[in-house]
Amino acid sequence: MIDLVKIITIAWGTAWLIAAIKQLSQGTKSTVWFIMIIWYTFFIVPLILDLSLGSPHYGGYKGLRIAANDPNANLIYCLYMCVVPLVFYLFGRAKKVHIEQSSTKPHKLLIAVLQILMISPVVVACFSPHPELYLKYGSIIAEMENFPEAEQFNKIVSLCTLVSVAAVGILLMLRPRLTVFSFVPYLPWLFLAVWLNGKRAVFIMALVLIVYAYYQKGKIKGLKLLGALILSVSLMAGFSNFYQNELRYEQMGITDSDDIYKNVRVDFGRDDRTKMTIYAELHPQTMKILDYRGQSLLFDLTFFVPRSMWPDKPWPYAVYFTSAMFMMPPDYLGFGMTTSWLEEAIANFGWFGMLIGPLFIALLCRIGDSLQSRLLKSLSLLVAGLFLVVHLAAFMPLFLIWFTSVFTSAFIRLRARKRVSTVKAQPVDRYITV
């Protein structure tokens, strides 16, 4: 029965994927169609793997294992995945997508700021207590326990790498003309950002933003777009394989195919997290993730408050989820599973979260498309995509930049409209005195 439901869900999701590719091939500028592809990759592809390769054993991840084997959690997950694309489609498309004309020249100060942000990871890494750790890819991650002061400083470096990649994407969008080789001058800085970060998310971000920039400028359509998507997926898979071999399999001594499959599913799938959150809603006596509704959202709203001033300050959702996954009381374990907004919304709002989660992401896309700014369109895609794959604490500065930019742009447009309406409302003298 569950397998049949999964097949129906896969067919439904694939229909939306085909619709997204078709819309993008025809040149639509709605960001939400890109989000559809990201959603399909992280939430529907795992169902395909379940039916073709089977569910992973999950090893010591007891919470994931229990939820993956629960029929009701699987059923509700499939129903949820059928709702998500509908919400994206109904609420994620702006009535009219505004795009600046290609002849519009961006302000020189903005370009200068973006270029400074682009090179910022290299500059900041030089001031690390142990800059030599960045000479080998991923060394800073593997050696964190031995260099606690470098671990704290690396949070700043990681933030700069995210901002650097976002700056490159915006710089490409702001170029009056975009050629096939326009992205080449930025490659060294993208390479350094990926190298210094040491994680795959930055590499994926870079690919998505480059493809998005060329698409929005009308340089890839139809078969070219399909080819770009296939190439991007191939590069992601190749880089992921390199990452796993360099930092995971050798370090953890993983050689068994079942363990490799489990690691791939845990890294790329968000289905298991969502199923476990649903399971916690179905069986609150057996598993409890949050102590109360809105707990992780309270952290997001008060992230700037030092924990030294508020010892009982809530943690990000990933901390609570990781503890529940090991069937332990909530506590920071020194690491956390990567979670997405779609399951966090369920934990914070209950079953209503199944509407609130995708609705929030859809509105991010709609707002970005409604405002007349290439910068905001790029940031909207980046922020909305990140909400699908990681928790807000991992990219809070980018979200704040997006929020501030949207608020400022909306305020400027509102003031402009008021000035126009005031001019129109002024009386015109019918007689001219000579």
Protein backbone atom coordinates (compact mmCIF):
# COMPACT_ATOMS: atom_id res chain seq x y z
CA MET A 1 0.00 0.00 0.00
CA ILE A 2 2.75 2.47 0.98
CA ASP A 3 4.72 1.63 -2.16
CA LEU A 4 1.67 2.44 -4.28
CA VAL A 5 1.27 5.79 -2.51
CA LYS A 6 4.96 6.52 -3.12
CA ILE A 7 4.55 5.72 -6.82
CA ILE A 8 1.59 8.11 -7.07
CA THR A 9 3.57 10.81 -5.22
CA ILE A 10 6.55 10.32 -7.53
CA ALA A 11 4.31 10.59 -10.58
CA TRP A 12 2.70 13.75 -9.19
CA GLY A 13 6.05 15.31 -8.35
CA THR A 14 7.53 14.35 -11.72
CA ALA A 15 4.60 16.02 -13.48
CA TRP A 16 5.44 19.25 -11.64
CA LEU A 17 9.13 18.82 -12.51
CA ILE A 18 8.26 18.48 -16.20
CA ALA A 19 6.00 21.54 -15.93
CA ALA A 20 8.83 23.52 -14.30
CA ILE A 21 11.34 22.57 -16.99
CA LYS A 22 8.79 23.39 -19.70
CA GLN A 23 8.02 26.80 -18.18
CA LEU A 24 11.70 27.63 -17.81
CA SER A 25 12.43 26.45 -21.35
CA GLN A 26 9.82 28.89 -22.61
CA GLY A 27 11.55 31.76 -20.83
CA THR A 28 9.29 32.40 -17.85
CA LYS A 29 10.95 34.57 -15.22
CA SER A 30 9.14 33.18 -12.16
CA THR A 31 11.68 32.08 -9.55
CA VAL A 32 9.33 29.51 -8.07
CA TRP A 33 9.88 27.14 -11.02
CA PHE A 34 13.55 26.90 -10.05
CA ILE A 35 12.45 26.16 -6.49
CA MET A 36 10.29 23.33 -7.84
CA ILE A 37 13.41 21.64 -9.22
CA ILE A 38 15.28 22.02 -5.91
CA TRP A 39 12.28 20.62 -4.02
CA TYR A 40 12.04 17.64 -6.35
CA THR A 41 15.74 16.85 -5.92
CA PHE A 42 15.70 16.77 -2.11
CA PHE A 43 12.20 15.48 -1.38
CA ILE A 44 10.99 13.35 -4.32
CA VAL A 45 14.21 11.73 -5.56
CA PRO A 46 14.58 9.97 -2.15
CA LEU A 47 11.22 8.26 -2.78
CA ILE A 48 12.54 7.02 -6.10
CA LEU A 49 15.59 5.63 -4.31
CA ASP A 50 13.34 3.96 -1.72
CA LEU A 51 11.57 2.00 -4.45
CA SER A 52 14.68 1.24 -6.53
CA LEU A 53 17.42 0.69 -3.92
CA GLY A 54 15.41 0.38 -0.73
CA SER A 55 15.34 2.44 2.44
CA PRO A 56 18.73 2.97 4.13
CA HIS A 57 19.36 1.19 7.44
CA TYR A 58 20.29 4.47 9.20
CA GLY A 59 22.55 2.69 11.69
CA GLY A 60 22.60 4.50 15.03
CA TYR A 61 20.14 7.17 13.90
CA LYS A 62 17.30 5.57 15.83
CA GLY A 63 14.76 8.31 15.27
CA LEU A 64 15.23 8.28 11.49
CA ARG A 65 14.99 4.50 11.45
CA ILE A 66 11.74 4.41 13.44
CA ALA A 67 10.10 7.08 11.31
CA ALA A 68 11.25 5.51 8.02
CA ASN A 69 9.54 2.25 8.99
CA ASP A 70 6.31 3.84 10.23
CA PRO A 71 3.49 3.45 7.64
CA ASN A 72 1.50 6.46 8.85
CA ALA A 73 4.51 8.77 8.79
CA ASN A 74 5.26 7.64 5.24
CA LEU A 75 1.66 8.11 4.15
CA ILE A 76 1.40 11.63 5.60
CA TYR A 77 4.79 12.53 4.11
CA CYS A 78 3.53 11.58 0.65
CA LEU A 79 0.35 13.60 1.14
CA TYR A 80 2.47 16.54 2.27
CA MET A 81 4.64 16.30 -0.83
CA CYS A 82 1.51 16.40 -2.96
CA VAL A 83 0.46 19.65 -1.29
CA VAL A 84 3.83 21.45 -1.52
CA PRO A 85 3.95 22.01 -5.33
CA LEU A 86 0.34 23.16 -5.34
CA VAL A 87 1.12 25.83 -2.76
CA PHE A 88 4.22 26.84 -4.73
CA TYR A 89 2.16 27.16 -7.91
CA LEU A 90 -0.80 29.01 -6.40
CA PHE A 91 1.10 31.51 -4.25
CA GLY A 92 4.66 31.62 -5.61
CA ARG A 93 4.03 33.32 -8.95
CA ALA A 94 3.87 37.10 -9.12
CA LYS A 95 1.12 38.59 -11.30
CA LYS A 96 3.75 40.53 -13.19
CA VAL A 97 7.47 39.89 -13.04
CA HIS A 98 9.47 43.10 -13.31
CA ILE A 99 12.98 43.02 -14.75
CA GLU A 100 15.34 45.95 -15.11
CA GLN A 101 16.35 46.76 -18.65
CA SER A 102 19.72 45.41 -19.73
CA SER A 103 20.92 48.94 -20.46
CA THR A 104 20.47 49.94 -16.83
CA LYS A 105 23.88 50.50 -15.31
CA PRO A 106 24.27 49.53 -11.65
CA HIS A 107 25.73 52.07 -9.25
CA LYS A 108 29.52 51.98 -9.04
CA LEU A 109 29.40 51.92 -5.23
CA LEU A 110 27.22 48.78 -5.30
CA ILE A 111 29.65 47.06 -7.67
CA ALA A 112 32.58 48.00 -5.42
CA VAL A 113 30.83 46.63 -2.33
CA LEU A 114 29.99 43.37 -4.09
CA GLN A 115 33.58 42.98 -5.25
CA ILE A 116 34.84 43.50 -1.70
CA LEU A 117 32.39 40.88 -0.45
CA MET A 118 33.56 38.54 -3.21
CA ILE A 119 37.18 38.58 -2.02
CA SER A 120 36.33 38.78 1.70
CA PRO A 121 36.83 35.04 2.51
CA VAL A 122 40.48 35.14 1.43
CA VAL A 123 41.17 38.30 3.44
CA VAL A 124 39.39 37.05 6.57
CA ALA A 125 41.03 33.59 6.42
CA CYS A 126 44.46 35.25 6.63
CA PHE A 127 43.59 36.46 10.14
CA SER A 128 42.64 32.98 11.39
CA PRO A 129 44.55 31.72 14.46
CA HIS A 130 45.65 28.81 12.26
CA PRO A 131 45.53 29.93 8.61
CA GLU A 132 47.62 26.90 7.62
CA LEU A 133 44.54 24.72 8.11
CA TYR A 134 43.06 26.23 4.96
CA LEU A 135 45.94 25.06 2.78
CA LYS A 136 44.40 21.58 2.51
CA TYR A 137 40.80 21.21 1.43
CA GLY A 138 38.53 20.30 4.32
CA SER A 139 41.34 20.32 6.87
CA ILE A 140 39.61 22.91 9.01
CA ILE A 141 36.60 20.60 9.35
CA ALA A 142 38.61 17.48 10.07
CA GLU A 143 40.80 19.24 12.67
CA MET A 144 38.14 21.28 14.48
CA GLU A 145 38.38 19.33 17.72
CA ASN A 146 42.13 19.95 17.93
CA PHE A 147 41.90 23.70 17.25
CA PRO A 148 38.84 25.09 19.11
CA GLU A 149 39.90 28.72 18.59
CA ALA A 150 40.17 28.10 14.83
CA GLU A 151 36.74 26.45 14.88
CA GLN A 152 35.12 29.58 16.28
CA PHE A 153 36.92 31.81 13.78
CA ASN A 154 35.92 29.48 10.94
CA LYS A 155 32.28 30.46 11.48
CA ILE A 156 33.19 33.93 10.25
CA VAL A 157 35.10 32.50 7.29
CA SER A 158 32.17 30.24 6.38
CA LEU A 159 29.81 33.19 6.50
CA CYS A 160 32.12 35.16 4.20
CA THR A 161 32.19 32.27 1.70
CA LEU A 162 28.38 32.28 1.50
CA VAL A 163 28.33 36.02 1.00
CA SER A 164 31.12 35.77 -1.59
CA VAL A 165 29.20 33.28 -3.72
CA ALA A 166 26.03 35.38 -3.45
CA ALA A 167 28.01 38.46 -4.50
CA VAL A 168 29.31 36.68 -7.62
CA GLY A 169 25.78 35.67 -8.59
CA ILE A 170 24.55 39.24 -8.18
CA LEU A 171 27.50 40.65 -10.11
CA LEU A 172 26.62 38.37 -13.02
CA MET A 173 22.99 39.47 -12.87
CA LEU A 174 24.00 43.13 -12.83
CA ARG A 175 26.22 42.94 -15.91
CA PRO A 176 24.59 44.86 -18.82
CA ARG A 177 25.76 42.14 -21.19
CA LEU A 178 26.44 38.53 -20.38
CA THR A 179 28.54 36.37 -22.70
CA VAL A 180 29.48 32.70 -22.54
CA PHE A 181 32.74 33.53 -20.80
CA SER A 182 31.51 36.34 -18.52
CA PHE A 183 31.68 34.08 -15.46
CA VAL A 184 35.32 33.07 -16.07
CA PRO A 185 36.90 36.06 -14.23
CA TYR A 186 34.90 35.11 -11.15
CA LEU A 187 35.97 31.44 -11.14
CA PRO A 188 39.13 31.95 -9.02
CA TRP A 189 37.08 33.61 -6.27
CA LEU A 190 34.37 30.94 -6.47
CA PHE A 191 37.06 28.26 -6.25
CA LEU A 192 38.60 29.92 -3.18
CA ALA A 193 35.18 30.31 -1.53
CA VAL A 194 34.41 26.62 -2.05
CA TRP A 195 37.90 25.62 -0.88
CA LEU A 196 37.82 27.74 2.28
CA ASN A 197 34.28 26.65 3.18
CA GLY A 198 35.03 22.95 2.89
CA LYS A 199 31.41 21.91 2.37
CA ARG A 200 29.32 21.03 -0.65
CA ALA A 201 26.53 23.54 -0.10
CA VAL A 202 28.68 26.44 -1.31
CA PHE A 203 29.58 24.58 -4.50
CA ILE A 204 25.91 23.88 -5.20
CA MET A 205 25.02 27.51 -4.49
CA ALA A 206 27.63 28.68 -7.00
CA LEU A 207 26.28 26.42 -9.75
CA VAL A 208 22.67 27.40 -9.12
CA LEU A 209 23.42 31.14 -9.16
CA ILE A 210 25.49 30.94 -12.35
CA VAL A 211 22.76 29.03 -14.19
CA TYR A 212 20.11 31.37 -12.80
CA ALA A 213 22.01 34.48 -13.91
CA TYR A 214 22.40 33.19 -17.47
CA TYR A 215 18.76 32.14 -17.55
CA GLN A 216 17.44 35.48 -16.31
CA LYS A 217 19.55 37.28 -18.93
CA GLY A 218 17.97 35.10 -21.63
CA LYS A 219 21.20 33.29 -22.57
CA ILE A 220 19.99 29.74 -21.97
CA LYS A 221 16.57 28.57 -23.08
CA GLY A 222 15.01 25.38 -24.36
CA LEU A 223 17.53 22.59 -24.88
CA LYS A 224 20.34 24.83 -23.66
CA LEU A 225 18.62 25.13 -20.30
CA LEU A 226 18.04 21.39 -20.10
CA GLY A 227 21.69 20.81 -20.95
CA ALA A 228 22.76 23.32 -18.27
CA LEU A 229 20.62 21.55 -15.67
CA ILE A 230 22.01 18.13 -16.59
CA LEU A 231 25.57 19.47 -16.50
CA SER A 232 24.94 21.08 -13.11
CA VAL A 233 23.57 17.85 -11.63
CA SER A 234 26.56 15.94 -13.02
CA LEU A 235 29.01 18.43 -11.52
CA MET A 236 27.20 18.26 -8.18
CA ALA A 237 27.37 14.47 -8.18
CA GLY A 238 31.04 14.49 -9.13
CA PHE A 239 31.95 17.05 -6.48
CA SER A 240 29.94 15.17 -3.87
CA ASN A 241 31.80 11.97 -4.67
CA PHE A 242 35.11 13.82 -4.32
CA TYR A 243 33.98 15.32 -1.00
CA GLN A 244 32.87 11.98 0.41
CA ASN A 245 36.09 10.23 -0.56
CA GLU A 246 38.28 13.05 0.78
CA LEU A 247 36.52 13.86 4.05
CA ARG A 248 34.04 11.17 4.97
CA TYR A 249 34.81 7.66 3.84
CA GLU A 250 38.54 7.68 4.63
CA GLN A 251 38.14 9.50 7.94
CA MET A 252 35.25 7.34 9.14
CA GLY A 253 36.58 4.11 7.62
CA ILE A 254 33.48 3.61 5.47
CA THR A 255 33.87 0.94 2.80
CA ASP A 256 30.58 -0.94 3.02
CA SER A 257 28.09 -0.12 0.25
CA ASP A 258 25.19 0.08 2.72
CA ASP A 259 27.02 2.71 4.78
CA ILE A 260 27.86 4.67 1.64
CA TYR A 261 24.22 4.60 0.58
CA LYS A 262 23.12 5.70 4.05
CA ASN A 263 25.54 8.64 4.00
CA VAL A 264 24.33 9.75 0.56
CA ARG A 265 20.70 9.60 1.67
CA VAL A 266 21.35 11.42 4.93
CA ASP A 267 23.38 14.11 3.16
CA PHE A 268 21.04 14.82 0.25
CA GLY A 269 17.61 13.62 1.32
CA ARG A 270 15.28 15.72 3.43
CA ASP A 271 12.57 13.08 3.44
CA ASP A 272 13.88 11.30 6.53
CA ARG A 273 13.90 14.52 8.59
CA THR A 274 10.38 15.35 7.50
CA LYS A 275 9.12 11.82 8.26
CA MET A 276 10.67 11.95 11.71
CA THR A 277 9.03 15.31 12.44
CA ILE A 278 5.70 13.87 11.30
CA TYR A 279 6.29 10.80 13.48
CA ALA A 280 6.86 13.08 16.49
CA GLU A 281 3.49 14.73 15.78
CA LEU A 282 1.80 11.33 15.58
CA HIS A 283 3.50 9.91 18.69
CA PRO A 284 4.28 12.77 21.11
CA GLN A 285 4.61 10.32 24.00
CA THR A 286 7.34 8.40 22.20
CA MET A 287 9.25 11.25 20.55
CA LYS A 288 9.32 14.95 21.28
CA ILE A 289 11.46 17.38 19.28
CA LEU A 290 10.53 20.82 20.64
CA ASP A 291 9.52 21.56 24.22
CA TYR A 292 6.83 23.95 23.00
CA ARG A 293 5.48 25.39 19.74
CA GLY A 294 7.59 28.13 18.25
CA GLN A 295 10.68 27.29 20.29
CA SER A 296 13.13 27.25 17.39
CA LEU A 297 11.46 30.35 15.89
CA LEU A 298 12.16 32.14 19.17
CA PHE A 299 15.84 31.45 18.62
CA ASP A 300 15.62 32.96 15.12
CA LEU A 301 14.01 36.11 16.51
CA THR A 302 16.57 36.46 19.33
CA PHE A 303 19.70 35.13 17.61
CA PHE A 304 21.56 38.36 18.44
CA VAL A 305 21.14 37.88 22.21
CA PRO A 306 24.32 36.34 23.73
CA ARG A 307 23.75 33.04 25.47
CA SER A 308 25.79 34.37 28.39
CA MET A 309 22.98 36.87 29.01
CA TRP A 310 20.25 34.29 28.50
CA PRO A 311 21.43 30.80 29.55
CA ASP A 312 18.05 29.23 28.73
CA LYS A 313 17.94 30.74 25.26
CA PRO A 314 16.44 28.26 22.73
CA TRP A 315 18.64 26.47 20.21
CA PRO A 316 18.26 26.24 16.41
CA TYR A 317 15.87 23.54 15.27
CA ALA A 318 18.74 21.27 14.15
CA VAL A 319 19.93 20.94 17.77
CA TYR A 320 16.54 19.72 18.99
CA PHE A 321 16.12 17.47 15.99
CA THR A 322 19.54 15.83 16.45
CA SER A 323 18.85 15.09 20.12
CA ALA A 324 15.46 13.59 19.28
CA MET A 325 17.07 11.52 16.52
CA PHE A 326 19.25 9.84 19.14
CA MET A 327 16.24 9.62 21.49
CA MET A 328 17.99 11.94 23.95
CA PRO A 329 16.80 15.00 25.92
CA PRO A 330 17.36 18.29 24.06
CA ASP A 331 21.00 19.35 24.28
CA TYR A 332 23.76 20.68 22.04
CA LEU A 333 25.89 17.70 21.02
CA GLY A 334 28.58 19.65 19.19
CA PHE A 335 27.09 18.91 15.78
CA GLY A 336 23.68 18.84 14.18
CA MET A 337 21.79 17.19 11.35
CA THR A 338 20.97 19.50 8.47
CA THR A 339 17.25 20.28 8.49
CA SER A 340 14.92 22.28 6.25
CA TRP A 341 12.10 24.74 6.83
CA LEU A 342 9.44 22.33 5.55
CA GLU A 343 9.76 20.01 8.55
CA GLU A 344 10.64 22.78 11.01
CA ALA A 345 7.32 24.45 10.18
CA ILE A 346 5.48 21.27 11.22
CA ALA A 347 7.32 21.11 14.54
CA ASN A 348 6.51 24.77 15.28
CA PHE A 349 2.94 25.03 13.98
CA GLY A 350 1.68 21.46 14.10
CA TRP A 351 -0.29 20.16 11.12
CA PHE A 352 -0.93 23.75 9.97
CA GLY A 353 2.80 23.83 9.29
CA MET A 354 2.17 21.75 6.18
CA LEU A 355 0.63 24.88 4.67
CA ILE A 356 2.74 27.49 6.42
CA GLY A 357 6.04 25.84 5.39
CA PRO A 358 5.64 25.86 1.59
CA LEU A 359 3.55 29.08 1.71
CA PHE A 360 6.43 31.00 3.30
CA ILE A 361 8.88 29.83 0.62
CA ALA A 362 6.36 30.62 -2.13
CA LEU A 363 5.92 34.16 -0.81
CA LEU A 364 9.69 34.67 -0.78
CA CYS A 365 9.74 33.91 -4.50
CA ARG A 366 6.72 36.08 -5.19
CA ILE A 367 8.12 39.08 -3.35
CA GLY A 368 11.46 38.80 -5.12
CA ASP A 369 9.79 38.62 -8.53
CA SER A 370 7.46 41.53 -7.80
CA LEU A 371 10.20 44.05 -7.00
CA GLN A 372 12.09 45.62 -9.87
CA SER A 373 15.57 44.43 -8.97
CA ARG A 374 17.91 41.78 -10.35
CA LEU A 375 19.71 41.80 -7.03
CA LEU A 376 16.52 40.89 -5.17
CA LYS A 377 15.64 38.16 -7.67
CA SER A 378 19.04 36.52 -7.14
CA LEU A 379 18.80 36.86 -3.37
CA SER A 380 15.23 35.54 -3.38
CA LEU A 381 16.23 32.41 -5.27
CA LEU A 382 19.19 31.87 -2.96
CA VAL A 383 17.25 32.39 0.26
CA ALA A 384 14.21 30.37 -0.82
CA GLY A 385 16.43 27.51 -2.02
CA LEU A 386 18.40 27.52 1.24
CA PHE A 387 15.19 27.32 3.28
CA LEU A 388 14.48 24.05 1.45
CA VAL A 389 17.77 22.40 2.39
CA VAL A 390 19.19 23.99 5.57
CA HIS A 391 17.94 25.74 8.71
CA LEU A 392 17.85 29.52 8.99
CA ALA A 393 20.71 29.74 11.49
CA ALA A 394 23.08 28.50 8.77
CA PHE A 395 22.41 31.53 6.54
CA MET A 396 20.91 34.14 8.86
CA PRO A 397 23.12 37.01 7.56
CA LEU A 398 22.02 36.35 3.96
CA PHE A 399 18.39 36.31 5.05
CA LEU A 400 18.86 39.62 6.88
CA ILE A 401 20.46 41.12 3.77
CA TRP A 402 17.50 39.91 1.72
CA PHE A 403 14.98 41.22 4.26
CA THR A 404 16.66 44.62 4.50
CA SER A 405 16.91 44.90 0.71
CA VAL A 406 13.24 44.01 0.24
CA PHE A 407 12.13 46.46 2.92
CA THR A 408 14.25 49.25 1.47
CA SER A 409 13.11 48.59 -2.10
CA ALA A 410 9.45 48.47 -1.08
CA PHE A 411 9.82 51.70 0.92
CA ILE A 412 11.45 53.51 -2.01
CA ARG A 413 8.72 52.36 -4.41
CA LEU A 414 6.01 53.43 -1.98
CA ARG A 415 7.55 56.89 -1.61
CA ALA A 416 7.81 57.20 -5.40
CA ARG A 417 4.14 56.29 -5.83
CA LYS A 418 3.12 58.85 -3.22
CA ARG A 419 5.10 61.57 -5.01
CA VAL A 420 3.46 60.69 -8.32
CA SER A 421 -0.03 60.69 -6.80
CA THR A 422 0.68 64.02 -5.07
CA VAL A 423 1.75 65.62 -8.35
CA LYS A 424 -1.36 64.34 -10.10
CA ALA A 425 -3.58 65.62 -7.30
CA GLN A 426 -2.25 69.20 -7.44
CA PRO A 427 -4.70 71.66 -9.10
CA VAL A 428 -3.68 73.20 -12.41
CA ASP A 429 -4.35 76.92 -12.99
CA ARG A 430 -6.81 77.46 -15.78
CA TYR A 431 -5.69 81.05 -16.43
CA ILE A 432 -2.26 82.43 -17.09
CA THR A 433 -1.60 86.02 -16.15
CA VAL A 434 0.68 87.90 -18.50
